[in-house]
N, C-alpha and C. Protein backbone atom coordinates (compact mmCIF):
# COMPACT_ATOMS: atom_id res chain seq x y z
N UNK A 1 -9.61 -6.57 -8.59
CA UNK A 1 -10.88 -6.36 -7.96
C UNK A 1 -11.55 -5.16 -8.62
N UNK A 2 -12.78 -5.32 -9.05
CA UNK A 2 -13.53 -4.24 -9.69
C UNK A 2 -14.35 -3.54 -8.62
N UNK A 3 -14.29 -2.23 -8.61
CA UNK A 3 -15.06 -1.46 -7.63
C UNK A 3 -16.11 -0.63 -8.35
N UNK A 4 -17.34 -0.72 -7.92
CA UNK A 4 -18.37 0.17 -8.42
C UNK A 4 -19.29 0.55 -7.26
N UNK A 5 -20.23 1.42 -7.51
CA UNK A 5 -21.08 1.95 -6.45
C UNK A 5 -21.90 0.86 -5.77
N UNK A 6 -22.24 -0.19 -6.51
CA UNK A 6 -23.08 -1.23 -5.95
C UNK A 6 -22.32 -2.20 -5.05
N UNK A 7 -21.04 -2.40 -5.31
CA UNK A 7 -20.28 -3.34 -4.49
C UNK A 7 -18.97 -2.70 -4.05
N UNK A 8 -18.99 -1.90 -2.99
CA UNK A 8 -17.75 -1.25 -2.53
C UNK A 8 -16.76 -2.28 -2.04
N UNK A 9 -15.47 -1.95 -2.09
CA UNK A 9 -14.46 -2.87 -1.61
C UNK A 9 -14.56 -3.09 -0.10
N UNK A 10 -13.85 -4.06 0.39
CA UNK A 10 -13.85 -4.38 1.80
C UNK A 10 -13.45 -3.16 2.61
N UNK A 11 -14.31 -2.68 3.48
CA UNK A 11 -14.05 -1.45 4.22
C UNK A 11 -12.87 -1.59 5.18
N UNK A 12 -12.58 -2.80 5.63
CA UNK A 12 -11.47 -2.98 6.56
C UNK A 12 -10.14 -2.70 5.86
N UNK A 13 -10.08 -2.87 4.55
CA UNK A 13 -8.84 -2.65 3.82
C UNK A 13 -8.63 -1.19 3.44
N UNK A 14 -9.67 -0.39 3.55
CA UNK A 14 -9.59 1.00 3.14
C UNK A 14 -9.53 1.92 4.34
N UNK A 15 -8.81 2.99 4.22
CA UNK A 15 -8.87 4.01 5.25
C UNK A 15 -10.21 4.72 5.12
N UNK A 16 -10.60 5.44 6.14
CA UNK A 16 -11.89 6.13 6.07
C UNK A 16 -11.88 7.19 4.98
N UNK A 17 -10.74 7.82 4.73
CA UNK A 17 -10.66 8.83 3.68
C UNK A 17 -10.83 8.18 2.32
N UNK A 18 -10.13 7.07 2.08
CA UNK A 18 -10.26 6.37 0.79
C UNK A 18 -11.70 5.92 0.58
N UNK A 19 -12.31 5.42 1.62
CA UNK A 19 -13.68 4.94 1.49
C UNK A 19 -14.62 6.09 1.15
N UNK A 20 -14.45 7.25 1.81
CA UNK A 20 -15.30 8.41 1.49
C UNK A 20 -15.08 8.87 0.06
N UNK A 21 -13.81 8.90 -0.38
CA UNK A 21 -13.55 9.29 -1.77
C UNK A 21 -14.21 8.33 -2.72
N UNK A 22 -14.12 7.04 -2.43
CA UNK A 22 -14.71 6.03 -3.29
C UNK A 22 -16.22 6.20 -3.39
N UNK A 23 -16.88 6.38 -2.26
CA UNK A 23 -18.34 6.48 -2.24
C UNK A 23 -18.82 7.76 -2.90
N UNK A 24 -18.14 8.89 -2.68
CA UNK A 24 -18.65 10.17 -3.13
C UNK A 24 -18.14 10.62 -4.50
N UNK A 25 -17.07 10.06 -4.99
CA UNK A 25 -16.49 10.54 -6.26
C UNK A 25 -16.94 9.74 -7.47
N UNK A 26 -17.53 8.58 -7.29
CA UNK A 26 -17.95 7.77 -8.42
C UNK A 26 -19.47 7.83 -8.52
N UNK A 27 -19.99 8.55 -9.51
CA UNK A 27 -21.45 8.64 -9.63
C UNK A 27 -22.06 7.31 -10.06
N UNK A 28 -23.38 7.19 -9.84
CA UNK A 28 -24.08 5.95 -10.19
C UNK A 28 -24.02 5.66 -11.68
N UNK A 29 -23.93 6.66 -12.51
CA UNK A 29 -23.96 6.48 -13.96
C UNK A 29 -22.56 6.55 -14.58
N UNK A 30 -21.52 6.30 -13.80
CA UNK A 30 -20.14 6.42 -14.30
C UNK A 30 -19.89 5.46 -15.46
N UNK A 31 -19.31 5.94 -16.57
CA UNK A 31 -19.05 5.09 -17.73
C UNK A 31 -17.73 4.33 -17.63
N UNK A 32 -17.18 4.20 -16.44
CA UNK A 32 -15.90 3.54 -16.28
C UNK A 32 -15.92 2.69 -15.02
N UNK A 33 -14.94 1.80 -14.93
CA UNK A 33 -14.77 0.97 -13.74
C UNK A 33 -13.43 1.33 -13.12
N UNK A 34 -13.37 1.22 -11.82
CA UNK A 34 -12.15 1.52 -11.09
C UNK A 34 -11.63 0.22 -10.52
N UNK A 35 -10.34 -0.07 -10.76
CA UNK A 35 -9.70 -1.28 -10.28
C UNK A 35 -8.68 -0.91 -9.21
N UNK A 36 -8.41 -1.85 -8.34
CA UNK A 36 -7.43 -1.60 -7.29
C UNK A 36 -6.54 -2.83 -7.10
N UNK A 37 -5.31 -2.58 -6.69
CA UNK A 37 -4.39 -3.65 -6.35
C UNK A 37 -3.48 -3.16 -5.24
N UNK A 38 -2.82 -4.09 -4.59
CA UNK A 38 -1.86 -3.74 -3.56
C UNK A 38 -0.51 -4.31 -3.97
N UNK A 39 0.54 -3.57 -3.66
CA UNK A 39 1.88 -4.03 -3.99
C UNK A 39 2.86 -3.55 -2.95
N UNK A 40 4.04 -4.17 -2.93
CA UNK A 40 5.10 -3.82 -1.99
C UNK A 40 6.15 -2.98 -2.71
N UNK A 41 6.42 -1.79 -2.16
CA UNK A 41 7.43 -0.92 -2.75
C UNK A 41 8.82 -1.53 -2.63
N UNK A 42 9.05 -2.41 -1.67
CA UNK A 42 10.33 -3.08 -1.52
C UNK A 42 10.71 -3.92 -2.73
N UNK A 43 9.73 -4.37 -3.50
CA UNK A 43 10.02 -5.15 -4.71
C UNK A 43 10.58 -4.27 -5.83
N UNK A 44 10.43 -2.95 -5.70
CA UNK A 44 10.99 -2.01 -6.68
C UNK A 44 12.20 -1.29 -6.10
N UNK A 45 12.97 -2.00 -5.27
CA UNK A 45 14.19 -1.49 -4.63
C UNK A 45 13.93 -0.35 -3.67
N UNK A 46 12.76 -0.31 -3.07
CA UNK A 46 12.48 0.68 -2.03
C UNK A 46 13.24 0.32 -0.76
N UNK A 47 13.54 1.29 0.09
CA UNK A 47 14.31 1.01 1.29
C UNK A 47 13.53 0.24 2.35
N UNK A 48 12.19 0.28 2.29
CA UNK A 48 11.37 -0.47 3.24
C UNK A 48 10.32 -1.26 2.46
N UNK A 49 9.81 -2.33 3.06
CA UNK A 49 8.84 -3.16 2.35
C UNK A 49 7.41 -2.66 2.48
N UNK A 50 7.19 -1.35 2.44
CA UNK A 50 5.86 -0.78 2.68
C UNK A 50 4.87 -1.25 1.62
N UNK A 51 3.67 -1.59 2.09
CA UNK A 51 2.61 -2.02 1.19
C UNK A 51 1.80 -0.80 0.76
N UNK A 52 1.48 -0.73 -0.52
CA UNK A 52 0.75 0.40 -1.08
C UNK A 52 -0.49 -0.09 -1.81
N UNK A 53 -1.52 0.75 -1.84
CA UNK A 53 -2.72 0.47 -2.63
C UNK A 53 -2.70 1.40 -3.82
N UNK A 54 -3.00 0.85 -4.99
CA UNK A 54 -2.99 1.61 -6.23
C UNK A 54 -4.38 1.51 -6.86
N UNK A 55 -4.92 2.63 -7.30
CA UNK A 55 -6.23 2.70 -7.95
C UNK A 55 -6.03 3.16 -9.39
N UNK A 56 -6.76 2.54 -10.31
CA UNK A 56 -6.64 2.92 -11.72
C UNK A 56 -7.86 2.45 -12.49
N UNK A 57 -8.05 3.04 -13.66
CA UNK A 57 -9.09 2.55 -14.56
C UNK A 57 -8.50 1.59 -15.59
N UNK A 58 -7.21 1.30 -15.48
CA UNK A 58 -6.51 0.39 -16.39
C UNK A 58 -6.19 -0.91 -15.66
N UNK A 59 -7.00 -1.95 -15.89
CA UNK A 59 -6.79 -3.22 -15.19
C UNK A 59 -5.51 -3.91 -15.63
N UNK A 60 -5.09 -3.72 -16.88
CA UNK A 60 -3.86 -4.34 -17.36
C UNK A 60 -2.64 -3.83 -16.63
N UNK A 61 -2.59 -2.54 -16.40
CA UNK A 61 -1.48 -1.94 -15.65
C UNK A 61 -1.41 -2.51 -14.24
N UNK A 62 -2.57 -2.59 -13.59
CA UNK A 62 -2.60 -3.10 -12.23
C UNK A 62 -2.25 -4.58 -12.17
N UNK A 63 -2.68 -5.35 -13.16
CA UNK A 63 -2.29 -6.76 -13.21
C UNK A 63 -0.79 -6.91 -13.34
N UNK A 64 -0.17 -6.06 -14.16
CA UNK A 64 1.28 -6.11 -14.35
C UNK A 64 2.02 -5.77 -13.05
N UNK A 65 1.62 -4.71 -12.39
CA UNK A 65 2.26 -4.31 -11.14
C UNK A 65 1.99 -5.34 -10.05
N UNK A 66 0.76 -5.84 -9.98
CA UNK A 66 0.42 -6.85 -8.98
C UNK A 66 1.18 -8.14 -9.16
N UNK A 67 1.40 -8.55 -10.42
CA UNK A 67 2.16 -9.79 -10.66
C UNK A 67 3.63 -9.61 -10.34
N UNK A 68 4.15 -8.39 -10.49
CA UNK A 68 5.57 -8.12 -10.21
C UNK A 68 5.83 -7.92 -8.73
N UNK A 69 4.91 -7.24 -8.01
CA UNK A 69 5.20 -6.86 -6.64
C UNK A 69 4.02 -7.08 -5.68
N UNK A 70 3.09 -7.94 -6.04
CA UNK A 70 1.94 -8.17 -5.19
C UNK A 70 2.21 -9.02 -3.97
N UNK A 71 3.32 -9.75 -3.98
CA UNK A 71 3.67 -10.61 -2.85
C UNK A 71 5.13 -10.41 -2.50
N UNK A 72 5.42 -10.36 -1.22
CA UNK A 72 6.80 -10.22 -0.76
C UNK A 72 6.96 -11.13 0.45
N UNK A 73 7.86 -12.10 0.35
CA UNK A 73 8.03 -13.06 1.43
C UNK A 73 8.65 -12.40 2.66
N UNK A 74 8.55 -13.06 3.79
CA UNK A 74 9.13 -12.53 5.03
C UNK A 74 10.65 -12.38 4.90
N UNK A 75 11.28 -13.28 4.18
CA UNK A 75 12.74 -13.21 3.99
C UNK A 75 13.10 -11.97 3.17
N UNK A 76 12.33 -11.71 2.11
CA UNK A 76 12.56 -10.51 1.30
C UNK A 76 12.30 -9.24 2.11
N UNK A 77 11.25 -9.26 2.94
CA UNK A 77 10.96 -8.09 3.77
C UNK A 77 12.06 -7.83 4.78
N UNK A 78 12.61 -8.89 5.36
CA UNK A 78 13.68 -8.74 6.35
C UNK A 78 14.95 -8.20 5.71
N UNK A 79 15.13 -8.40 4.40
CA UNK A 79 16.33 -7.93 3.71
C UNK A 79 16.31 -6.43 3.45
N UNK A 80 15.16 -5.79 3.56
CA UNK A 80 15.08 -4.34 3.36
C UNK A 80 15.74 -3.63 4.54
N UNK A 81 16.55 -2.61 4.28
CA UNK A 81 17.34 -2.00 5.34
C UNK A 81 16.57 -1.11 6.32
N UNK A 82 15.43 -0.57 5.94
CA UNK A 82 14.70 0.37 6.79
C UNK A 82 13.48 -0.32 7.40
N UNK A 83 13.32 -0.18 8.72
CA UNK A 83 12.16 -0.71 9.43
C UNK A 83 11.29 0.47 9.84
N UNK A 84 10.07 0.54 9.36
CA UNK A 84 9.19 1.66 9.67
C UNK A 84 8.29 1.38 10.87
N UNK A 85 8.28 0.16 11.37
CA UNK A 85 7.46 -0.17 12.53
C UNK A 85 8.18 -1.21 13.38
N UNK A 86 7.82 -1.23 14.67
CA UNK A 86 8.37 -2.20 15.60
C UNK A 86 7.20 -3.03 16.13
N UNK A 87 7.37 -4.35 16.16
CA UNK A 87 6.34 -5.26 16.66
C UNK A 87 6.72 -5.72 18.06
N UNK A 88 5.75 -5.75 18.95
CA UNK A 88 5.99 -6.22 20.31
C UNK A 88 4.71 -6.83 20.86
N UNK A 89 4.83 -7.52 21.98
CA UNK A 89 3.69 -8.10 22.67
C UNK A 89 3.46 -7.33 23.96
N UNK A 90 2.22 -6.90 24.19
CA UNK A 90 1.93 -6.16 25.41
C UNK A 90 1.82 -7.12 26.59
N UNK A 91 1.50 -6.59 27.79
CA UNK A 91 1.49 -7.42 28.99
C UNK A 91 0.38 -8.47 28.97
N UNK A 92 -0.62 -8.31 28.10
CA UNK A 92 -1.67 -9.33 27.96
C UNK A 92 -1.33 -10.38 26.91
N UNK A 93 -0.21 -10.19 26.22
CA UNK A 93 0.19 -11.13 25.19
C UNK A 93 -0.37 -10.82 23.82
N UNK A 94 -0.94 -9.62 23.65
CA UNK A 94 -1.51 -9.21 22.37
C UNK A 94 -0.41 -8.59 21.51
N UNK A 95 -0.35 -9.01 20.26
CA UNK A 95 0.67 -8.49 19.34
C UNK A 95 0.30 -7.07 18.93
N UNK A 96 1.24 -6.16 19.09
CA UNK A 96 1.03 -4.75 18.76
C UNK A 96 2.16 -4.25 17.88
N UNK A 97 1.87 -3.15 17.17
CA UNK A 97 2.90 -2.51 16.34
C UNK A 97 2.90 -1.01 16.63
N UNK A 98 4.07 -0.42 16.59
CA UNK A 98 4.20 1.02 16.78
C UNK A 98 5.15 1.53 15.71
N UNK A 99 4.82 2.68 15.11
CA UNK A 99 5.63 3.23 14.02
C UNK A 99 6.91 3.89 14.53
N UNK A 100 7.93 3.85 13.71
CA UNK A 100 9.19 4.53 13.97
C UNK A 100 9.08 5.90 13.31
N UNK A 101 8.95 6.97 14.11
CA UNK A 101 8.67 8.30 13.57
C UNK A 101 9.70 8.75 12.53
N UNK A 102 10.96 8.58 12.84
CA UNK A 102 12.01 9.05 11.92
C UNK A 102 11.99 8.28 10.61
N UNK A 103 11.87 6.95 10.69
CA UNK A 103 11.86 6.14 9.47
C UNK A 103 10.63 6.44 8.63
N UNK A 104 9.49 6.62 9.27
CA UNK A 104 8.27 6.95 8.53
C UNK A 104 8.38 8.32 7.88
N UNK A 105 8.90 9.28 8.62
CA UNK A 105 9.06 10.64 8.07
C UNK A 105 10.01 10.61 6.87
N UNK A 106 11.12 9.89 6.99
CA UNK A 106 12.08 9.81 5.89
C UNK A 106 11.50 9.08 4.68
N UNK A 107 10.60 8.14 4.92
CA UNK A 107 10.04 7.38 3.80
C UNK A 107 8.98 8.17 3.04
N UNK A 108 8.54 9.30 3.57
CA UNK A 108 7.49 10.10 2.93
C UNK A 108 8.01 11.29 2.14
N UNK A 109 9.32 11.43 2.02
CA UNK A 109 9.86 12.60 1.33
C UNK A 109 9.55 12.53 -0.16
N UNK A 110 9.42 13.70 -0.77
CA UNK A 110 9.12 13.77 -2.19
C UNK A 110 10.28 13.21 -3.01
N UNK A 111 11.50 13.60 -2.65
CA UNK A 111 12.68 13.09 -3.34
C UNK A 111 13.49 12.30 -2.34
N UNK A 112 13.81 11.06 -2.67
CA UNK A 112 14.62 10.25 -1.78
C UNK A 112 15.69 9.55 -2.61
N UNK A 113 16.75 9.15 -1.94
CA UNK A 113 17.85 8.47 -2.62
C UNK A 113 17.75 6.99 -2.35
N UNK A 114 17.67 6.20 -3.41
CA UNK A 114 17.60 4.74 -3.30
C UNK A 114 18.71 4.18 -4.19
N UNK A 115 19.61 3.44 -3.61
CA UNK A 115 20.72 2.82 -4.33
C UNK A 115 21.51 3.85 -5.14
N UNK A 116 21.70 5.04 -4.58
CA UNK A 116 22.50 6.05 -5.23
C UNK A 116 21.75 6.90 -6.25
N UNK A 117 20.47 6.61 -6.48
CA UNK A 117 19.68 7.37 -7.45
C UNK A 117 18.67 8.23 -6.72
N UNK A 118 18.51 9.47 -7.14
CA UNK A 118 17.51 10.35 -6.56
C UNK A 118 16.23 10.24 -7.36
N UNK A 119 15.16 9.89 -6.66
CA UNK A 119 13.86 9.75 -7.35
C UNK A 119 12.87 10.71 -6.77
């Protein structure tokens, strides 16, 4: 997906901070295009199947990452050992999710151990 000042990406997919950065950091006369893709860290042996958004001016790099990790089946997601959220139905029958504080905190560390390797 190509992003420029005239056609911003779908606002529902962006956090408000990302959207503000996008709108204010790219001038109207920018000599470059910004591309974005989403991928699952679980496809790169991450402990949880967290989905990430990646921004770059290199569309080839994003195509490569997107083709490798852009889709993760429910079976593959269930095989990841760490669950960062719990899904439940409230009393009205509406599907809700709530984060697991400890798992989320552990998944945000600068250095973490995955399969015996410190990254």
